[in-house]
PDB file of N, CA and C in Angstrom:
ATOM      1  N   MET A   1     -34.749 -34.609 -16.533  1.00  0.00           N
ATOM      2  CA  MET A   1     -34.443 -35.737 -17.372  1.00  0.00           C
ATOM      3  C   MET A   1     -33.133 -35.537 -18.116  1.00  0.00           C
ATOM      4  N   PHE A   2     -32.906 -34.334 -18.663  1.00  0.00           N
ATOM      5  CA  PHE A   2     -31.683 -34.069 -19.405  1.00  0.00           C
ATOM      6  C   PHE A   2     -30.678 -33.255 -18.599  1.00  0.00           C
ATOM      7  N   GLY A   3     -30.895 -33.144 -17.327  1.00  0.00           N
ATOM      8  CA  GLY A   3     -29.969 -32.403 -16.487  1.00  0.00           C
ATOM      9  C   GLY A   3     -30.265 -30.918 -16.395  1.00  0.00           C
ATOM     10  N   PHE A   4     -31.362 -30.474 -16.977  1.00  0.00           N
ATOM     11  CA  PHE A   4     -31.723 -29.065 -16.888  1.00  0.00           C
ATOM     12  C   PHE A   4     -32.495 -28.830 -15.602  1.00  0.00           C
ATOM     13  N   GLY A   5     -32.137 -27.757 -14.888  1.00  0.00           N
ATOM     14  CA  GLY A   5     -32.851 -27.427 -13.661  1.00  0.00           C
ATOM     15  C   GLY A   5     -33.979 -26.468 -13.944  1.00  0.00           C
ATOM     16  N   LYS A   6     -34.761 -26.212 -12.948  1.00  0.00           N
ATOM     17  CA  LYS A   6     -35.818 -25.226 -13.072  1.00  0.00           C
ATOM     18  C   LYS A   6     -35.186 -23.849 -13.236  1.00  0.00           C
ATOM     19  N   LYS A   7     -35.950 -22.909 -13.765  1.00  0.00           N
ATOM     20  CA  LYS A   7     -35.446 -21.548 -13.943  1.00  0.00           C
ATOM     21  C   LYS A   7     -34.978 -20.962 -12.616  1.00  0.00           C
ATOM     22  N   GLU A   8     -35.751 -21.187 -11.565  1.00  0.00           N
ATOM     23  CA  GLU A   8     -35.392 -20.631 -10.257  1.00  0.00           C
ATOM     24  C   GLU A   8     -34.060 -21.196  -9.792  1.00  0.00           C
ATOM     25  N   ASP A   9     -33.833 -22.479 -10.013  1.00  0.00           N
ATOM     26  CA  ASP A   9     -32.584 -23.101  -9.601  1.00  0.00           C
ATOM     27  C   ASP A   9     -31.414 -22.524 -10.380  1.00  0.00           C
ATOM     28  N   ALA A  10     -31.596 -22.336 -11.670  1.00  0.00           N
ATOM     29  CA  ALA A  10     -30.535 -21.778 -12.509  1.00  0.00           C
ATOM     30  C   ALA A  10     -30.224 -20.349 -12.087  1.00  0.00           C
ATOM     31  N   ALA A  11     -31.261 -19.576 -11.775  1.00  0.00           N
ATOM     32  CA  ALA A  11     -31.054 -18.195 -11.345  1.00  0.00           C
ATOM     33  C   ALA A  11     -30.296 -18.148 -10.022  1.00  0.00           C
ATOM     34  N   ALA A  12     -30.627 -19.056  -9.112  1.00  0.00           N
ATOM     35  CA  ALA A  12     -29.932 -19.103  -7.817  1.00  0.00           C
ATOM     36  C   ALA A  12     -28.462 -19.445  -8.005  1.00  0.00           C
ATOM     37  N   VAL A  13     -28.173 -20.371  -8.899  1.00  0.00           N
ATOM     38  CA  VAL A  13     -26.783 -20.753  -9.175  1.00  0.00           C
ATOM     39  C   VAL A  13     -26.042 -19.584  -9.800  1.00  0.00           C
ATOM     40  N   ASP A  14     -26.675 -18.886 -10.765  1.00  0.00           N
ATOM     41  CA  ASP A  14     -26.043 -17.729 -11.393  1.00  0.00           C
ATOM     42  C   ASP A  14     -25.745 -16.639 -10.377  1.00  0.00           C
ATOM     43  N   LYS A  15     -26.697 -16.390  -9.480  1.00  0.00           N
ATOM     44  CA  LYS A  15     -26.500 -15.371  -8.455  1.00  0.00           C
ATOM     45  C   LYS A  15     -25.351 -15.758  -7.529  1.00  0.00           C
ATOM     46  N   GLU A  16     -25.301 -17.026  -7.161  1.00  0.00           N
ATOM     47  CA  GLU A  16     -24.234 -17.523  -6.294  1.00  0.00           C
ATOM     48  C   GLU A  16     -22.883 -17.381  -6.980  1.00  0.00           C
ATOM     49  N   LYS A  17     -22.833 -17.717  -8.275  1.00  0.00           N
ATOM     50  CA  LYS A  17     -21.585 -17.601  -9.031  1.00  0.00           C
ATOM     51  C   LYS A  17     -21.133 -16.154  -9.134  1.00  0.00           C
ATOM     52  N   SER A  18     -22.057 -15.243  -9.417  1.00  0.00           N
ATOM     53  CA  SER A  18     -21.674 -13.842  -9.575  1.00  0.00           C
ATOM     54  C   SER A  18     -21.201 -13.258  -8.243  1.00  0.00           C
ATOM     55  N   THR A  19     -21.793 -13.690  -7.136  1.00  0.00           N
ATOM     56  CA  THR A  19     -21.344 -13.231  -5.823  1.00  0.00           C
ATOM     57  C   THR A  19     -19.932 -13.730  -5.543  1.00  0.00           C
ATOM     58  N   ALA A  20     -19.664 -14.979  -5.866  1.00  0.00           N
ATOM     59  CA  ALA A  20     -18.323 -15.540  -5.664  1.00  0.00           C
ATOM     60  C   ALA A  20     -17.311 -14.841  -6.559  1.00  0.00           C
ATOM     61  N   GLU A  21     -17.689 -14.569  -7.799  1.00  0.00           N
ATOM     62  CA  GLU A  21     -16.778 -13.885  -8.709  1.00  0.00           C
ATOM     63  C   GLU A  21     -16.496 -12.478  -8.222  1.00  0.00           C
ATOM     64  N   ALA A  22     -17.510 -11.778  -7.741  1.00  0.00           N
ATOM     65  CA  ALA A  22     -17.315 -10.418  -7.239  1.00  0.00           C
ATOM     66  C   ALA A  22     -16.378 -10.418  -6.053  1.00  0.00           C
ATOM     67  N   THR A  23     -16.510 -11.415  -5.184  1.00  0.00           N
ATOM     68  CA  THR A  23     -15.628 -11.519  -4.032  1.00  0.00           C
ATOM     69  C   THR A  23     -14.192 -11.758  -4.477  1.00  0.00           C
ATOM     70  N   GLU A  24     -14.010 -12.638  -5.457  1.00  0.00           N
ATOM     71  CA  GLU A  24     -12.675 -12.908  -5.961  1.00  0.00           C
ATOM     72  C   GLU A  24     -12.069 -11.670  -6.602  1.00  0.00           C
ATOM     73  N   GLU A  25     -12.871 -10.890  -7.302  1.00  0.00           N
ATOM     74  CA  GLU A  25     -12.364  -9.725  -7.997  1.00  0.00           C
ATOM     75  C   GLU A  25     -11.950  -8.614  -7.052  1.00  0.00           C
ATOM     76  N   THR A  26     -12.455  -8.590  -5.853  1.00  0.00           N
ATOM     77  CA  THR A  26     -12.133  -7.518  -4.935  1.00  0.00           C
ATOM     78  C   THR A  26     -10.899  -7.803  -4.088  1.00  0.00           C
ATOM     79  N   VAL A  27     -10.282  -8.927  -4.287  1.00  0.00           N
ATOM     80  CA  VAL A  27      -9.070  -9.245  -3.552  1.00  0.00           C
ATOM     81  C   VAL A  27      -7.920  -8.413  -4.107  1.00  0.00           C
ATOM     82  N   ILE A  28      -7.234  -7.721  -3.237  1.00  0.00           N
ATOM     83  CA  ILE A  28      -6.105  -6.900  -3.655  1.00  0.00           C
ATOM     84  C   ILE A  28      -4.842  -7.751  -3.629  1.00  0.00           C
ATOM     85  N   THR A  29      -4.106  -7.690  -4.725  1.00  0.00           N
ATOM     86  CA  THR A  29      -2.860  -8.433  -4.832  1.00  0.00           C
ATOM     87  C   THR A  29      -1.712  -7.468  -5.117  1.00  0.00           C
ATOM     88  N   LYS A  30      -0.515  -7.924  -4.874  1.00  0.00           N
ATOM     89  CA  LYS A  30       0.643  -7.049  -5.031  1.00  0.00           C
ATOM     90  C   LYS A  30       0.948  -6.710  -6.482  1.00  0.00           C
ATOM     91  N   ASP A  31       0.396  -7.461  -7.422  1.00  0.00           N
ATOM     92  CA  ASP A  31       0.663  -7.161  -8.827  1.00  0.00           C
ATOM     93  C   ASP A  31      -0.397  -6.248  -9.450  1.00  0.00           C
ATOM     94  N   MET A  32      -1.303  -5.718  -8.637  1.00  0.00           N
ATOM     95  CA  MET A  32      -2.309  -4.762  -9.119  1.00  0.00           C
ATOM     96  C   MET A  32      -1.702  -3.373  -9.202  1.00  0.00           C
ATOM     97  N   LEU A  33      -2.204  -2.594 -10.160  1.00  0.00           N
ATOM     98  CA  LEU A  33      -1.819  -1.188 -10.202  1.00  0.00           C
ATOM     99  C   LEU A  33      -2.363  -0.506  -8.954  1.00  0.00           C
ATOM    100  N   VAL A  34      -1.627   0.456  -8.455  1.00  0.00           N
ATOM    101  CA  VAL A  34      -2.026   1.159  -7.235  1.00  0.00           C
ATOM    102  C   VAL A  34      -3.416   1.766  -7.401  1.00  0.00           C
ATOM    103  N   THR A  35      -3.666   2.421  -8.523  1.00  0.00           N
ATOM    104  CA  THR A  35      -4.979   3.052  -8.721  1.00  0.00           C
ATOM    105  C   THR A  35      -6.105   2.027  -8.749  1.00  0.00           C
ATOM    106  N   ASP A  36      -5.870   0.879  -9.373  1.00  0.00           N
ATOM    107  CA  ASP A  36      -6.893  -0.168  -9.415  1.00  0.00           C
ATOM    108  C   ASP A  36      -7.191  -0.689  -8.016  1.00  0.00           C
ATOM    109  N   ALA A  37      -6.135  -0.908  -7.248  1.00  0.00           N
ATOM    110  CA  ALA A  37      -6.307  -1.410  -5.885  1.00  0.00           C
ATOM    111  C   ALA A  37      -7.065  -0.412  -5.025  1.00  0.00           C
ATOM    112  N   LEU A  38      -6.759   0.865  -5.187  1.00  0.00           N
ATOM    113  CA  LEU A  38      -7.447   1.904  -4.413  1.00  0.00           C
ATOM    114  C   LEU A  38      -8.923   1.999  -4.798  1.00  0.00           C
ATOM    115  N   MET A  39      -9.220   1.800  -6.066  1.00  0.00           N
ATOM    116  CA  MET A  39     -10.622   1.841  -6.488  1.00  0.00           C
ATOM    117  C   MET A  39     -11.392   0.646  -5.942  1.00  0.00           C
ATOM    118  N   LEU A  40     -10.742  -0.503  -5.861  1.00  0.00           N
ATOM    119  CA  LEU A  40     -11.397  -1.694  -5.330  1.00  0.00           C
ATOM    120  C   LEU A  40     -11.569  -1.634  -3.821  1.00  0.00           C
ATOM    121  N   ASN A  41     -10.593  -1.062  -3.142  1.00  0.00           N
ATOM    122  CA  ASN A  41     -10.643  -1.040  -1.688  1.00  0.00           C
ATOM    123  C   ASN A  41     -10.106   0.295  -1.164  1.00  0.00           C
ATOM    124  N   PRO A  42     -10.992   1.252  -0.903  1.00  0.00           N
ATOM    125  CA  PRO A  42     -10.560   2.554  -0.392  1.00  0.00           C
ATOM    126  C   PRO A  42      -9.846   2.480   0.959  1.00  0.00           C
ATOM    127  N   ASN A  43      -9.995   1.359   1.688  1.00  0.00           N
ATOM    128  CA  ASN A  43      -9.282   1.201   2.962  1.00  0.00           C
ATOM    129  C   ASN A  43      -7.780   1.132   2.771  1.00  0.00           C
ATOM    130  N   LEU A  44      -7.341   0.954   1.549  1.00  0.00           N
ATOM    131  CA  LEU A  44      -5.912   0.916   1.261  1.00  0.00           C
ATOM    132  C   LEU A  44      -5.280   2.294   1.455  1.00  0.00           C
ATOM    133  N   ALA A  45      -6.022   3.353   1.185  1.00  0.00           N
ATOM    134  CA  ALA A  45      -5.482   4.718   1.268  1.00  0.00           C
ATOM    135  C   ALA A  45      -4.902   5.045   2.643  1.00  0.00           C
ATOM    136  N   PRO A  46      -5.650   4.834   3.753  1.00  0.00           N
ATOM    137  CA  PRO A  46      -5.053   5.162   5.048  1.00  0.00           C
ATOM    138  C   PRO A  46      -3.834   4.306   5.391  1.00  0.00           C
ATOM    139  N   VAL A  47      -3.824   3.071   4.918  1.00  0.00           N
ATOM    140  CA  VAL A  47      -2.668   2.207   5.171  1.00  0.00           C
ATOM    141  C   VAL A  47      -1.444   2.776   4.458  1.00  0.00           C
ATOM    142  N   LEU A  48      -1.629   3.174   3.206  1.00  0.00           N
ATOM    143  CA  LEU A  48      -0.515   3.760   2.455  1.00  0.00           C
ATOM    144  C   LEU A  48      -0.058   5.071   3.073  1.00  0.00           C
ATOM    145  N   MET A  49      -1.015   5.894   3.520  1.00  0.00           N
ATOM    146  CA  MET A  49      -0.663   7.182   4.119  1.00  0.00           C
ATOM    147  C   MET A  49       0.107   6.997   5.418  1.00  0.00           C
ATOM    148  N   GLN A  50      -0.269   5.999   6.222  1.00  0.00           N
ATOM    149  CA  GLN A  50       0.467   5.738   7.469  1.00  0.00           C
ATOM    150  C   GLN A  50       1.916   5.385   7.183  1.00  0.00           C
ATOM    151  N   ALA A  51       2.145   4.779   6.032  1.00  0.00           N
ATOM    152  CA  ALA A  51       3.503   4.405   5.657  1.00  0.00           C
ATOM    153  C   ALA A  51       4.229   5.553   4.957  1.00  0.00           C
ATOM    154  N   GLY A  52       3.546   6.682   4.786  1.00  0.00           N
ATOM    155  CA  GLY A  52       4.155   7.816   4.109  1.00  0.00           C
ATOM    156  C   GLY A  52       4.068   7.716   2.599  1.00  0.00           C
ATOM    157  N   MET A  53       3.218   6.842   2.132  1.00  0.00           N
ATOM    158  CA  MET A  53       3.045   6.626   0.696  1.00  0.00           C
ATOM    159  C   MET A  53       1.736   7.299   0.271  1.00  0.00           C
ATOM    160  N   TYR A  54       1.852   8.439  -0.361  1.00  0.00           N
ATOM    161  CA  TYR A  54       0.670   9.171  -0.813  1.00  0.00           C
ATOM    162  C   TYR A  54       0.396   8.843  -2.283  1.00  0.00           C
ATOM    163  N   CYS A  55       0.278   7.559  -2.544  1.00  0.00           N
ATOM    164  CA  CYS A  55       0.180   7.035  -3.898  1.00  0.00           C
ATOM    165  C   CYS A  55      -1.036   7.528  -4.662  1.00  0.00           C
ATOM    166  N   PHE A  56      -2.121   7.811  -3.971  1.00  0.00           N
ATOM    167  CA  PHE A  56      -3.336   8.214  -4.675  1.00  0.00           C
ATOM    168  C   PHE A  56      -3.174   9.570  -5.350  1.00  0.00           C
ATOM    169  N   SER A  57      -2.179  10.341  -4.959  1.00  0.00           N
ATOM    170  CA  SER A  57      -1.959  11.644  -5.583  1.00  0.00           C
ATOM    171  C   SER A  57      -0.749  11.636  -6.512  1.00  0.00           C
ATOM    172  N   CYS A  58      -0.158  10.477  -6.717  1.00  0.00           N
ATOM    173  CA  CYS A  58       1.059  10.371  -7.518  1.00  0.00           C
ATOM    174  C   CYS A  58       0.722   9.880  -8.927  1.00  0.00           C
ATOM    175  N   PRO A  59       1.215  10.570  -9.956  1.00  0.00           N
ATOM    176  CA  PRO A  59       0.954  10.125 -11.329  1.00  0.00           C
ATOM    177  C   PRO A  59       1.487   8.717 -11.612  1.00  0.00           C
ATOM    178  N   ALA A  60       2.532   8.299 -10.916  1.00  0.00           N
ATOM    179  CA  ALA A  60       3.105   6.961 -11.134  1.00  0.00           C
ATOM    180  C   ALA A  60       2.143   5.859 -10.730  1.00  0.00           C
ATOM    181  N   SER A  61       1.163   6.170  -9.880  1.00  0.00           N
ATOM    182  CA  SER A  61       0.234   5.149  -9.383  1.00  0.00           C
ATOM    183  C   SER A  61      -0.613   4.529 -10.492  1.00  0.00           C
ATOM    184  N   MET A  62      -0.692   5.209 -11.630  1.00  0.00           N
ATOM    185  CA  MET A  62      -1.481   4.678 -12.746  1.00  0.00           C
ATOM    186  C   MET A  62      -0.713   3.632 -13.552  1.00  0.00           C
ATOM    187  N   GLY A  63       0.585   3.533 -13.316  1.00  0.00           N
ATOM    188  CA  GLY A  63       1.373   2.559 -14.054  1.00  0.00           C
ATOM    189  C   GLY A  63       2.282   1.729 -13.171  1.00  0.00           C
ATOM    190  N   GLU A  64       2.099   1.839 -11.870  1.00  0.00           N
ATOM    191  CA  GLU A  64       2.964   1.163 -10.912  1.00  0.00           C
ATOM    192  C   GLU A  64       2.147   0.189 -10.077  1.00  0.00           C
ATOM    193  N   THR A  65       2.672  -1.007  -9.889  1.00  0.00           N
ATOM    194  CA  THR A  65       1.977  -1.984  -9.054  1.00  0.00           C
ATOM    195  C   THR A  65       2.214  -1.661  -7.578  1.00  0.00           C
ATOM    196  N   LEU A  66       1.407  -2.267  -6.731  1.00  0.00           N
ATOM    197  CA  LEU A  66       1.611  -2.090  -5.293  1.00  0.00           C
ATOM    198  C   LEU A  66       3.003  -2.552  -4.883  1.00  0.00           C
ATOM    199  N   GLU A  67       3.436  -3.651  -5.462  1.00  0.00           N
ATOM    200  CA  GLU A  67       4.764  -4.174  -5.131  1.00  0.00           C
ATOM    201  C   GLU A  67       5.858  -3.187  -5.529  1.00  0.00           C
ATOM    202  N   GLU A  68       5.739  -2.603  -6.717  1.00  0.00           N
ATOM    203  CA  GLU A  68       6.736  -1.629  -7.172  1.00  0.00           C
ATOM    204  C   GLU A  68       6.731  -0.379  -6.307  1.00  0.00           C
ATOM    205  N   ALA A  69       5.529   0.095  -5.965  1.00  0.00           N
ATOM    206  CA  ALA A  69       5.422   1.287  -5.118  1.00  0.00           C
ATOM    207  C   ALA A  69       6.033   1.027  -3.739  1.00  0.00           C
ATOM    208  N   ALA A  70       5.748  -0.128  -3.176  1.00  0.00           N
ATOM    209  CA  ALA A  70       6.313  -0.473  -1.867  1.00  0.00           C
ATOM    210  C   ALA A  70       7.832  -0.544  -1.940  1.00  0.00           C
ATOM    211  N   MET A  71       8.339  -1.144  -3.007  1.00  0.00           N
ATOM    212  CA  MET A  71       9.791  -1.271  -3.171  1.00  0.00           C
ATOM    213  C   MET A  71      10.450   0.105  -3.275  1.00  0.00           C
ATOM    214  N   VAL A  72       9.858   0.997  -4.052  1.00  0.00           N
ATOM    215  CA  VAL A  72      10.409   2.343  -4.225  1.00  0.00           C
ATOM    216  C   VAL A  72      10.468   3.081  -2.899  1.00  0.00           C
ATOM    217  N   HIS A  73       9.460   2.842  -2.059  1.00  0.00           N
ATOM    218  CA  HIS A  73       9.390   3.533  -0.769  1.00  0.00           C
ATOM    219  C   HIS A  73      10.063   2.758   0.359  1.00  0.00           C
ATOM    220  N   GLY A  74      10.630   1.596   0.045  1.00  0.00           N
ATOM    221  CA  GLY A  74      11.367   0.828   1.051  1.00  0.00           C
ATOM    222  C   GLY A  74      10.508   0.011   1.989  1.00  0.00           C
ATOM    223  N   PHE A  75       9.330  -0.413   1.513  1.00  0.00           N
ATOM    224  CA  PHE A  75       8.432  -1.214   2.338  1.00  0.00           C
ATOM    225  C   PHE A  75       8.247  -2.597   1.739  1.00  0.00           C
ATOM    226  N   ASP A  76       7.896  -3.532   2.594  1.00  0.00           N
ATOM    227  CA  ASP A  76       7.551  -4.879   2.144  1.00  0.00           C
ATOM    228  C   ASP A  76       6.073  -4.875   1.783  1.00  0.00           C
ATOM    229  N   VAL A  77       5.771  -5.215   0.543  1.00  0.00           N
ATOM    230  CA  VAL A  77       4.386  -5.182   0.074  1.00  0.00           C
ATOM    231  C   VAL A  77       3.488  -6.118   0.880  1.00  0.00           C
ATOM    232  N   ASP A  78       4.044  -7.210   1.371  1.00  0.00           N
ATOM    233  CA  ASP A  78       3.249  -8.148   2.167  1.00  0.00           C
ATOM    234  C   ASP A  78       2.779  -7.509   3.472  1.00  0.00           C
ATOM    235  N   ASP A  79       3.594  -6.631   4.047  1.00  0.00           N
ATOM    236  CA  ASP A  79       3.182  -5.914   5.264  1.00  0.00           C
ATOM    237  C   ASP A  79       2.002  -4.992   4.970  1.00  0.00           C
ATOM    238  N   ILE A  80       2.045  -4.354   3.814  1.00  0.00           N
ATOM    239  CA  ILE A  80       0.950  -3.457   3.425  1.00  0.00           C
ATOM    240  C   ILE A  80      -0.328  -4.246   3.203  1.00  0.00           C
ATOM    241  N   LEU A  81      -0.235  -5.354   2.479  1.00  0.00           N
ATOM    242  CA  LEU A  81      -1.412  -6.186   2.231  1.00  0.00           C
ATOM    243  C   LEU A  81      -1.970  -6.750   3.529  1.00  0.00           C
ATOM    244  N   GLU A  82      -1.098  -7.111   4.446  1.00  0.00           N
ATOM    245  CA  GLU A  82      -1.536  -7.624   5.747  1.00  0.00           C
ATOM    246  C   GLU A  82      -2.309  -6.555   6.521  1.00  0.00           C
ATOM    247  N   ALA A  83      -1.823  -5.324   6.470  1.00  0.00           N
ATOM    248  CA  ALA A  83      -2.508  -4.225   7.166  1.00  0.00           C
ATOM    249  C   ALA A  83      -3.882  -3.957   6.558  1.00  0.00           C
ATOM    250  N   VAL A  84      -3.981  -4.027   5.235  1.00  0.00           N
ATOM    251  CA  VAL A  84      -5.266  -3.818   4.573  1.00  0.00           C
ATOM    252  C   VAL A  84      -6.236  -4.931   4.946  1.00  0.00           C
ATOM    253  N   ASN A  85      -5.758  -6.161   4.926  1.00  0.00           N
ATOM    254  CA  ASN A  85      -6.614  -7.294   5.300  1.00  0.00           C
ATOM    255  C   ASN A  85      -7.081  -7.196   6.736  1.00  0.00           C
ATOM    256  N   LYS A  86      -6.216  -6.717   7.610  1.00  0.00           N
ATOM    257  CA  LYS A  86      -6.594  -6.531   9.014  1.00  0.00           C
ATOM    258  C   LYS A  86      -7.719  -5.505   9.142  1.00  0.00           C
ATOM    259  N   LEU A  87      -7.619  -4.404   8.391  1.00  0.00           N
ATOM    260  CA  LEU A  87      -8.682  -3.411   8.397  1.00  0.00           C
ATOM    261  C   LEU A  87      -9.998  -3.985   7.890  1.00  0.00           C
ATOM    262  N   GLU A  88      -9.919  -4.799   6.867  1.00  0.00           N
ATOM    263  CA  GLU A  88     -11.123  -5.416   6.299  1.00  0.00           C
ATOM    264  C   GLU A  88     -11.809  -6.319   7.328  1.00  0.00           C
ATOM    265  N   LYS A  89     -11.021  -7.068   8.076  1.00  0.00           N
ATOM    266  CA  LYS A  89     -11.601  -7.965   9.071  1.00  0.00           C
ATOM    267  C   LYS A  89     -12.245  -7.192  10.206  1.00  0.00           C
ATOM    268  N   GLU A  90     -11.674  -6.036  10.548  1.00  0.00           N
ATOM    269  CA  GLU A  90     -12.207  -5.212  11.640  1.00  0.00           C
ATOM    270  C   GLU A  90     -13.488  -4.491  11.221  1.00  0.00           C
ATOM    271  N   ALA A  91     -13.639  -4.272   9.913  1.00  0.00           N
ATOM    272  CA  ALA A  91     -14.810  -3.505   9.426  1.00  0.00           C
ATOM    273  C   ALA A  91     -16.075  -4.306   9.479  1.00  0.00           C
TER     274      ALA A  91
END
């Protein structure tokens, strides 16, 4: 009558929302800190290592974005993100 759903319906909507939010939060972007991106997606490590970027062992990774790290190492950050996304699709 007042637009309130049953408890079960509300719980289902909340669960759906939290799943969507979790999915959105796990997307790696070029403006993320390297350490944050690695914690969200460990598949990033082998991609970085193939490029010769051992960022997970570098102190700068705690204050450097993926874009900055790629620039310092002479790589296009979009290529790195594309490689990570490709690995995710294959998994």
